[in-house]
Structure formats: structure tokens, C-alpha cells
PDB file of N, CA and C in Angstrom:
ATOM      1  N   UNK A   1     -38.016  56.836 -55.781  1.00  0.00           N
ATOM      2  CA  UNK A   1     -37.143  56.084 -54.885  1.00  0.00           C
ATOM      3  C   UNK A   1     -36.478  54.978 -55.705  1.00  0.00           C
ATOM      4  N   UNK A   2     -35.158  54.885 -55.599  1.00  0.00           N
ATOM      5  CA  UNK A   2     -34.435  53.880 -56.374  1.00  0.00           C
ATOM      6  C   UNK A   2     -34.295  52.580 -55.590  1.00  0.00           C
ATOM      7  N   UNK A   3     -33.903  51.559 -56.303  1.00  0.00           N
ATOM      8  CA  UNK A   3     -33.701  50.251 -55.678  1.00  0.00           C
ATOM      9  C   UNK A   3     -32.682  50.287 -54.559  1.00  0.00           C
ATOM     10  N   UNK A   4     -31.606  51.056 -54.757  1.00  0.00           N
ATOM     11  CA  UNK A   4     -30.577  51.113 -53.719  1.00  0.00           C
ATOM     12  C   UNK A   4     -31.104  51.778 -52.455  1.00  0.00           C
ATOM     13  N   UNK A   5     -31.970  52.764 -52.598  1.00  0.00           N
ATOM     14  CA  UNK A   5     -32.551  53.421 -51.420  1.00  0.00           C
ATOM     15  C   UNK A   5     -33.401  52.433 -50.622  1.00  0.00           C
ATOM     16  N   UNK A   6     -34.223  51.681 -51.319  1.00  0.00           N
ATOM     17  CA  UNK A   6     -35.082  50.700 -50.652  1.00  0.00           C
ATOM     18  C   UNK A   6     -34.239  49.607 -50.004  1.00  0.00           C
ATOM     19  N   UNK A   7     -33.255  49.121 -50.742  1.00  0.00           N
ATOM     20  CA  UNK A   7     -32.387  48.082 -50.193  1.00  0.00           C
ATOM     21  C   UNK A   7     -31.566  48.613 -49.020  1.00  0.00           C
ATOM     22  N   UNK A   8     -31.123  49.851 -49.111  1.00  0.00           N
ATOM     23  CA  UNK A   8     -30.362  50.461 -48.021  1.00  0.00           C
ATOM     24  C   UNK A   8     -31.184  50.574 -46.749  1.00  0.00           C
ATOM     25  N   UNK A   9     -32.439  50.996 -46.879  1.00  0.00           N
ATOM     26  CA  UNK A   9     -33.332  51.068 -45.713  1.00  0.00           C
ATOM     27  C   UNK A   9     -33.538  49.684 -45.112  1.00  0.00           C
ATOM     28  N   UNK A  10     -33.773  48.726 -45.979  1.00  0.00           N
ATOM     29  CA  UNK A  10     -33.975  47.346 -45.506  1.00  0.00           C
ATOM     30  C   UNK A  10     -32.712  46.827 -44.812  1.00  0.00           C
ATOM     31  N   UNK A  11     -31.569  47.115 -45.389  1.00  0.00           N
ATOM     32  CA  UNK A  11     -30.298  46.682 -44.816  1.00  0.00           C
ATOM     33  C   UNK A  11     -30.103  47.266 -43.414  1.00  0.00           C
ATOM     34  N   UNK A  12     -30.337  48.574 -43.258  1.00  0.00           N
ATOM     35  CA  UNK A  12     -30.201  49.218 -41.949  1.00  0.00           C
ATOM     36  C   UNK A  12     -31.173  48.614 -40.937  1.00  0.00           C
ATOM     37  N   UNK A  13     -32.386  48.325 -41.361  1.00  0.00           N
ATOM     38  CA  UNK A  13     -33.391  47.713 -40.471  1.00  0.00           C
ATOM     39  C   UNK A  13     -32.934  46.332 -40.036  1.00  0.00           C
ATOM     40  N   UNK A  14     -32.441  45.535 -40.972  1.00  0.00           N
ATOM     41  CA  UNK A  14     -31.975  44.192 -40.632  1.00  0.00           C
ATOM     42  C   UNK A  14     -30.778  44.237 -39.690  1.00  0.00           C
ATOM     43  N   UNK A  15     -29.862  45.173 -39.888  1.00  0.00           N
ATOM     44  CA  UNK A  15     -28.721  45.311 -38.983  1.00  0.00           C
ATOM     45  C   UNK A  15     -29.171  45.669 -37.571  1.00  0.00           C
ATOM     46  N   UNK A  16     -30.155  46.556 -37.465  1.00  0.00           N
ATOM     47  CA  UNK A  16     -30.686  46.927 -36.150  1.00  0.00           C
ATOM     48  C   UNK A  16     -31.376  45.739 -35.490  1.00  0.00           C
ATOM     49  N   UNK A  17     -32.145  45.000 -36.272  1.00  0.00           N
ATOM     50  CA  UNK A  17     -32.820  43.803 -35.737  1.00  0.00           C
ATOM     51  C   UNK A  17     -31.796  42.783 -35.271  1.00  0.00           C
ATOM     52  N   UNK A  18     -30.740  42.593 -36.041  1.00  0.00           N
ATOM     53  CA  UNK A  18     -29.701  41.633 -35.689  1.00  0.00           C
ATOM     54  C   UNK A  18     -28.984  42.044 -34.409  1.00  0.00           C
ATOM     55  N   UNK A  19     -28.699  43.318 -34.255  1.00  0.00           N
ATOM     56  CA  UNK A  19     -28.036  43.798 -33.042  1.00  0.00           C
ATOM     57  C   UNK A  19     -28.886  43.497 -31.806  1.00  0.00           C
ATOM     58  N   UNK A  20     -30.182  43.718 -31.908  1.00  0.00           N
ATOM     59  CA  UNK A  20     -31.085  43.424 -30.789  1.00  0.00           C
ATOM     60  C   UNK A  20     -31.157  41.924 -30.532  1.00  0.00           C
ATOM     61  N   UNK A  21     -31.191  41.156 -31.579  1.00  0.00           N
ATOM     62  CA  UNK A  21     -31.270  39.703 -31.450  1.00  0.00           C
ATOM     63  C   UNK A  21     -30.020  39.147 -30.772  1.00  0.00           C
ATOM     64  N   UNK A  22     -28.857  39.698 -31.103  1.00  0.00           N
ATOM     65  CA  UNK A  22     -27.605  39.210 -30.515  1.00  0.00           C
ATOM     66  C   UNK A  22     -27.606  39.354 -29.001  1.00  0.00           C
ATOM     67  N   UNK A  23     -28.166  40.427 -28.491  1.00  0.00           N
ATOM     68  CA  UNK A  23     -28.244  40.626 -27.044  1.00  0.00           C
ATOM     69  C   UNK A  23     -29.093  39.524 -26.415  1.00  0.00           C
ATOM     70  N   UNK A  24     -30.268  39.277 -26.974  1.00  0.00           N
ATOM     71  CA  UNK A  24     -31.152  38.241 -26.444  1.00  0.00           C
ATOM     72  C   UNK A  24     -30.530  36.857 -26.585  1.00  0.00           C
ATOM     73  N   UNK A  25     -29.878  36.603 -27.711  1.00  0.00           N
ATOM     74  CA  UNK A  25     -29.245  35.309 -27.946  1.00  0.00           C
ATOM     75  C   UNK A  25     -28.112  35.068 -26.959  1.00  0.00           C
ATOM     76  N   UNK A  26     -27.310  36.094 -26.691  1.00  0.00           N
ATOM     77  CA  UNK A  26     -26.217  35.956 -25.726  1.00  0.00           C
ATOM     78  C   UNK A  26     -26.756  35.611 -24.339  1.00  0.00           C
ATOM     79  N   UNK A  27     -27.841  36.256 -23.938  1.00  0.00           N
ATOM     80  CA  UNK A  27     -28.459  35.944 -22.641  1.00  0.00           C
ATOM     81  C   UNK A  27     -28.947  34.499 -22.609  1.00  0.00           C
ATOM     82  N   UNK A  28     -29.556  34.047 -23.696  1.00  0.00           N
ATOM     83  CA  UNK A  28     -30.047  32.670 -23.763  1.00  0.00           C
ATOM     84  C   UNK A  28     -28.886  31.680 -23.736  1.00  0.00           C
ATOM     85  N   UNK A  29     -27.800  32.004 -24.407  1.00  0.00           N
ATOM     86  CA  UNK A  29     -26.621  31.128 -24.401  1.00  0.00           C
ATOM     87  C   UNK A  29     -26.074  31.006 -22.986  1.00  0.00           C
ATOM     88  N   UNK A  30     -25.965  32.119 -22.285  1.00  0.00           N
ATOM     89  CA  UNK A  30     -25.463  32.085 -20.903  1.00  0.00           C
ATOM     90  C   UNK A  30     -26.379  31.265 -19.999  1.00  0.00           C
ATOM     91  N   UNK A  31     -27.671  31.417 -20.178  1.00  0.00           N
ATOM     92  CA  UNK A  31     -28.624  30.659 -19.359  1.00  0.00           C
ATOM     93  C   UNK A  31     -28.517  29.161 -19.638  1.00  0.00           C
ATOM     94  N   UNK A  32     -28.412  28.785 -20.886  1.00  0.00           N
ATOM     95  CA  UNK A  32     -28.291  27.365 -21.234  1.00  0.00           C
ATOM     96  C   UNK A  32     -26.971  26.786 -20.730  1.00  0.00           C
ATOM     97  N   UNK A  33     -25.914  27.563 -20.815  1.00  0.00           N
ATOM     98  CA  UNK A  33     -24.613  27.092 -20.329  1.00  0.00           C
ATOM     99  C   UNK A  33     -24.674  26.849 -18.821  1.00  0.00           C
ATOM    100  N   UNK A  34     -25.393  27.698 -18.113  1.00  0.00           N
ATOM    101  CA  UNK A  34     -25.531  27.542 -16.660  1.00  0.00           C
ATOM    102  C   UNK A  34     -26.236  26.246 -16.289  1.00  0.00           C
ATOM    103  N   UNK A  35     -27.033  25.711 -17.213  1.00  0.00           N
ATOM    104  CA  UNK A  35     -27.720  24.447 -16.930  1.00  0.00           C
ATOM    105  C   UNK A  35     -26.941  23.245 -17.442  1.00  0.00           C
ATOM    106  N   UNK A  36     -25.717  23.490 -17.973  1.00  0.00           N
ATOM    107  CA  UNK A  36     -24.857  22.387 -18.363  1.00  0.00           C
ATOM    108  C   UNK A  36     -24.673  22.169 -19.853  1.00  0.00           C
ATOM    109  N   UNK A  37     -25.214  23.024 -20.690  1.00  0.00           N
ATOM    110  CA  UNK A  37     -25.040  22.854 -22.140  1.00  0.00           C
ATOM    111  C   UNK A  37     -23.573  23.039 -22.511  1.00  0.00           C
ATOM    112  N   UNK A  38     -23.098  22.240 -23.426  1.00  0.00           N
ATOM    113  CA  UNK A  38     -21.704  22.327 -23.862  1.00  0.00           C
ATOM    114  C   UNK A  38     -21.537  23.445 -24.887  1.00  0.00           C
ATOM    115  N   UNK A  39     -20.291  23.854 -25.090  1.00  0.00           N
ATOM    116  CA  UNK A  39     -20.002  24.872 -26.091  1.00  0.00           C
ATOM    117  C   UNK A  39     -20.472  24.415 -27.472  1.00  0.00           C
ATOM    118  N   UNK A  40     -20.189  23.140 -27.807  1.00  0.00           N
ATOM    119  CA  UNK A  40     -20.577  22.621 -29.122  1.00  0.00           C
ATOM    120  C   UNK A  40     -22.095  22.646 -29.287  1.00  0.00           C
ATOM    121  N   UNK A  41     -22.816  22.253 -28.266  1.00  0.00           N
ATOM    122  CA  UNK A  41     -24.283  22.271 -28.324  1.00  0.00           C
ATOM    123  C   UNK A  41     -24.785  23.702 -28.488  1.00  0.00           C
ATOM    124  N   UNK A  42     -24.215  24.611 -27.727  1.00  0.00           N
ATOM    125  CA  UNK A  42     -24.628  26.013 -27.821  1.00  0.00           C
ATOM    126  C   UNK A  42     -24.349  26.579 -29.204  1.00  0.00           C
ATOM    127  N   UNK A  43     -23.211  26.206 -29.783  1.00  0.00           N
ATOM    128  CA  UNK A  43     -22.867  26.685 -31.122  1.00  0.00           C
ATOM    129  C   UNK A  43     -23.896  26.191 -32.132  1.00  0.00           C
ATOM    130  N   UNK A  44     -24.178  24.923 -32.095  1.00  0.00           N
ATOM    131  CA  UNK A  44     -25.114  24.353 -33.070  1.00  0.00           C
ATOM    132  C   UNK A  44     -26.512  24.937 -32.903  1.00  0.00           C
ATOM    133  N   UNK A  45     -26.979  25.061 -31.695  1.00  0.00           N
ATOM    134  CA  UNK A  45     -28.339  25.528 -31.446  1.00  0.00           C
ATOM    135  C   UNK A  45     -28.512  27.015 -31.694  1.00  0.00           C
ATOM    136  N   UNK A  46     -27.449  27.801 -31.514  1.00  0.00           N
ATOM    137  CA  UNK A  46     -27.552  29.251 -31.643  1.00  0.00           C
ATOM    138  C   UNK A  46     -27.448  29.738 -33.084  1.00  0.00           C
ATOM    139  N   UNK A  47     -26.873  28.903 -33.937  1.00  0.00           N
ATOM    140  CA  UNK A  47     -26.656  29.339 -35.307  1.00  0.00           C
ATOM    141  C   UNK A  47     -25.277  29.923 -35.535  1.00  0.00           C
ATOM    142  N   UNK A  48     -24.489  30.077 -34.472  1.00  0.00           N
ATOM    143  CA  UNK A  48     -23.114  30.523 -34.647  1.00  0.00           C
ATOM    144  C   UNK A  48     -22.307  29.382 -35.249  1.00  0.00           C
ATOM    145  N   UNK A  49     -21.221  29.725 -35.921  1.00  0.00           N
ATOM    146  CA  UNK A  49     -20.434  28.709 -36.622  1.00  0.00           C
ATOM    147  C   UNK A  49     -19.048  28.529 -36.021  1.00  0.00           C
ATOM    148  N   UNK A  50     -18.835  29.086 -34.846  1.00  0.00           N
ATOM    149  CA  UNK A  50     -17.511  29.026 -34.238  1.00  0.00           C
ATOM    150  C   UNK A  50     -17.625  28.840 -32.729  1.00  0.00           C
ATOM    151  N   UNK A  51     -16.848  27.903 -32.207  1.00  0.00           N
ATOM    152  CA  UNK A  51     -16.784  27.746 -30.755  1.00  0.00           C
ATOM    153  C   UNK A  51     -16.169  28.989 -30.113  1.00  0.00           C
ATOM    154  N   UNK A  52     -15.293  29.658 -30.851  1.00  0.00           N
ATOM    155  CA  UNK A  52     -14.668  30.882 -30.354  1.00  0.00           C
ATOM    156  C   UNK A  52     -15.724  31.952 -30.063  1.00  0.00           C
ATOM    157  N   UNK A  53     -16.728  32.056 -30.898  1.00  0.00           N
ATOM    158  CA  UNK A  53     -17.798  33.035 -30.668  1.00  0.00           C
ATOM    159  C   UNK A  53     -18.530  32.711 -29.373  1.00  0.00           C
ATOM    160  N   UNK A  54     -18.817  31.440 -29.147  1.00  0.00           N
ATOM    161  CA  UNK A  54     -19.497  31.026 -27.917  1.00  0.00           C
ATOM    162  C   UNK A  54     -18.621  31.346 -26.716  1.00  0.00           C
ATOM    163  N   UNK A  55     -17.324  31.045 -26.820  1.00  0.00           N
ATOM    164  CA  UNK A  55     -16.407  31.334 -25.721  1.00  0.00           C
ATOM    165  C   UNK A  55     -16.384  32.825 -25.418  1.00  0.00           C
ATOM    166  N   UNK A  56     -16.387  33.649 -26.457  1.00  0.00           N
ATOM    167  CA  UNK A  56     -16.362  35.096 -26.247  1.00  0.00           C
ATOM    168  C   UNK A  56     -17.640  35.587 -25.579  1.00  0.00           C
ATOM    169  N   UNK A  57     -18.754  34.972 -25.886  1.00  0.00           N
ATOM    170  CA  UNK A  57     -20.020  35.349 -25.246  1.00  0.00           C
ATOM    171  C   UNK A  57     -19.996  34.958 -23.771  1.00  0.00           C
ATOM    172  N   UNK A  58     -19.468  33.760 -23.487  1.00  0.00           N
ATOM    173  CA  UNK A  58     -19.482  33.259 -22.120  1.00  0.00           C
ATOM    174  C   UNK A  58     -18.379  33.851 -21.254  1.00  0.00           C
ATOM    175  N   UNK A  59     -17.281  34.265 -21.862  1.00  0.00           N
ATOM    176  CA  UNK A  59     -16.156  34.794 -21.087  1.00  0.00           C
ATOM    177  C   UNK A  59     -15.545  36.005 -21.788  1.00  0.00           C
ATOM    178  N   UNK A  60     -16.273  37.125 -21.810  1.00  0.00           N
ATOM    179  CA  UNK A  60     -15.762  38.301 -22.526  1.00  0.00           C
ATOM    180  C   UNK A  60     -14.441  38.818 -21.973  1.00  0.00           C
ATOM    181  N   UNK A  61     -14.181  38.591 -20.689  1.00  0.00           N
ATOM    182  CA  UNK A  61     -12.911  39.056 -20.126  1.00  0.00           C
ATOM    183  C   UNK A  61     -11.725  38.324 -20.754  1.00  0.00           C
ATOM    184  N   UNK A  62     -11.916  37.063 -21.126  1.00  0.00           N
ATOM    185  CA  UNK A  62     -10.854  36.327 -21.811  1.00  0.00           C
ATOM    186  C   UNK A  62     -10.635  36.901 -23.206  1.00  0.00           C
ATOM    187  N   UNK A  63     -11.713  37.293 -23.873  1.00  0.00           N
ATOM    188  CA  UNK A  63     -11.599  37.911 -25.190  1.00  0.00           C
ATOM    189  C   UNK A  63     -10.750  39.168 -25.104  1.00  0.00           C
ATOM    190  N   UNK A  64     -11.005  39.982 -24.089  1.00  0.00           N
ATOM    191  CA  UNK A  64     -10.249  41.215 -23.922  1.00  0.00           C
ATOM    192  C   UNK A  64      -8.768  40.919 -23.700  1.00  0.00           C
ATOM    193  N   UNK A  65      -8.469  39.897 -22.912  1.00  0.00           N
ATOM    194  CA  UNK A  65      -7.080  39.514 -22.652  1.00  0.00           C
ATOM    195  C   UNK A  65      -6.400  39.014 -23.923  1.00  0.00           C
ATOM    196  N   UNK A  66      -7.092  38.187 -24.685  1.00  0.00           N
ATOM    197  CA  UNK A  66      -6.539  37.661 -25.943  1.00  0.00           C
ATOM    198  C   UNK A  66      -6.299  38.793 -26.925  1.00  0.00           C
ATOM    199  N   UNK A  67      -7.235  39.717 -27.035  1.00  0.00           N
ATOM    200  CA  UNK A  67      -7.059  40.867 -27.937  1.00  0.00           C
ATOM    201  C   UNK A  67      -5.880  41.736 -27.509  1.00  0.00           C
ATOM    202  N   UNK A  68      -5.704  41.901 -26.210  1.00  0.00           N
ATOM    203  CA  UNK A  68      -4.575  42.682 -25.706  1.00  0.00           C
ATOM    204  C   UNK A  68      -3.250  42.020 -26.099  1.00  0.00           C
ATOM    205  N   UNK A  69      -3.166  40.694 -25.934  1.00  0.00           N
ATOM    206  CA  UNK A  69      -1.941  39.972 -26.300  1.00  0.00           C
ATOM    207  C   UNK A  69      -1.677  40.056 -27.798  1.00  0.00           C
ATOM    208  N   UNK A  70      -2.726  39.981 -28.601  1.00  0.00           N
ATOM    209  CA  UNK A  70      -2.551  40.093 -30.052  1.00  0.00           C
ATOM    210  C   UNK A  70      -1.989  41.444 -30.437  1.00  0.00           C
ATOM    211  N   UNK A  71      -2.496  42.498 -29.814  1.00  0.00           N
ATOM    212  CA  UNK A  71      -1.999  43.846 -30.101  1.00  0.00           C
ATOM    213  C   UNK A  71      -0.525  43.976 -29.731  1.00  0.00           C
ATOM    214  N   UNK A  72      -0.111  43.338 -28.637  1.00  0.00           N
ATOM    215  CA  UNK A  72       1.272  43.415 -28.196  1.00  0.00           C
ATOM    216  C   UNK A  72       2.199  42.721 -29.190  1.00  0.00           C
ATOM    217  N   UNK A  73       1.745  41.657 -29.841  1.00  0.00           N
ATOM    218  CA  UNK A  73       2.564  40.922 -30.803  1.00  0.00           C
ATOM    219  C   UNK A  73       2.734  41.707 -32.092  1.00  0.00           C
ATOM    220  N   UNK A  74       1.727  42.471 -32.466  1.00  0.00           N
ATOM    221  CA  UNK A  74       1.765  43.190 -33.756  1.00  0.00           C
ATOM    222  C   UNK A  74       2.662  44.359 -33.741  1.00  0.00           C
TER     223      UNK A  74
END
């Protein structure tokens, strides 16, 4: 077994773990927002580095609308 094989397996495992974590994190962000947490607080506490990411988690329908408008401009 080569180094790339081992690293590739580890990489796939970490990606799967991250995907599962994102679901749980999004639920926690929504719950905290419902109790009054600000976008900035949620960003800092969640480990995300963008308020836009928090907004997309809290309002996915707005993300879809923004993406639609971007496609129309291109």
C-alpha cells in the first residue's frame, strides 16, 4: 500500500465526517439563531469565516434567489 492510497482513504473519510458534521452544525446554528444569537456570533462560534455562509444556512431560499440572479447576469 502506497502513501497516496493511505492518504486517499483518510481524505475520503474526513470528507464524509465533514459532510455529517455540517448537517449537525447547521441545525445548531439555526437553534442558536432562534434564541437570538447574531450572525457575527454564530460565525465566530461555528468556525465559519463568512457571514454569507451563516446567511445561507439560515435562509437557503435567499441563496437560491441570489444564485438565480447571478446566472441571469452571466
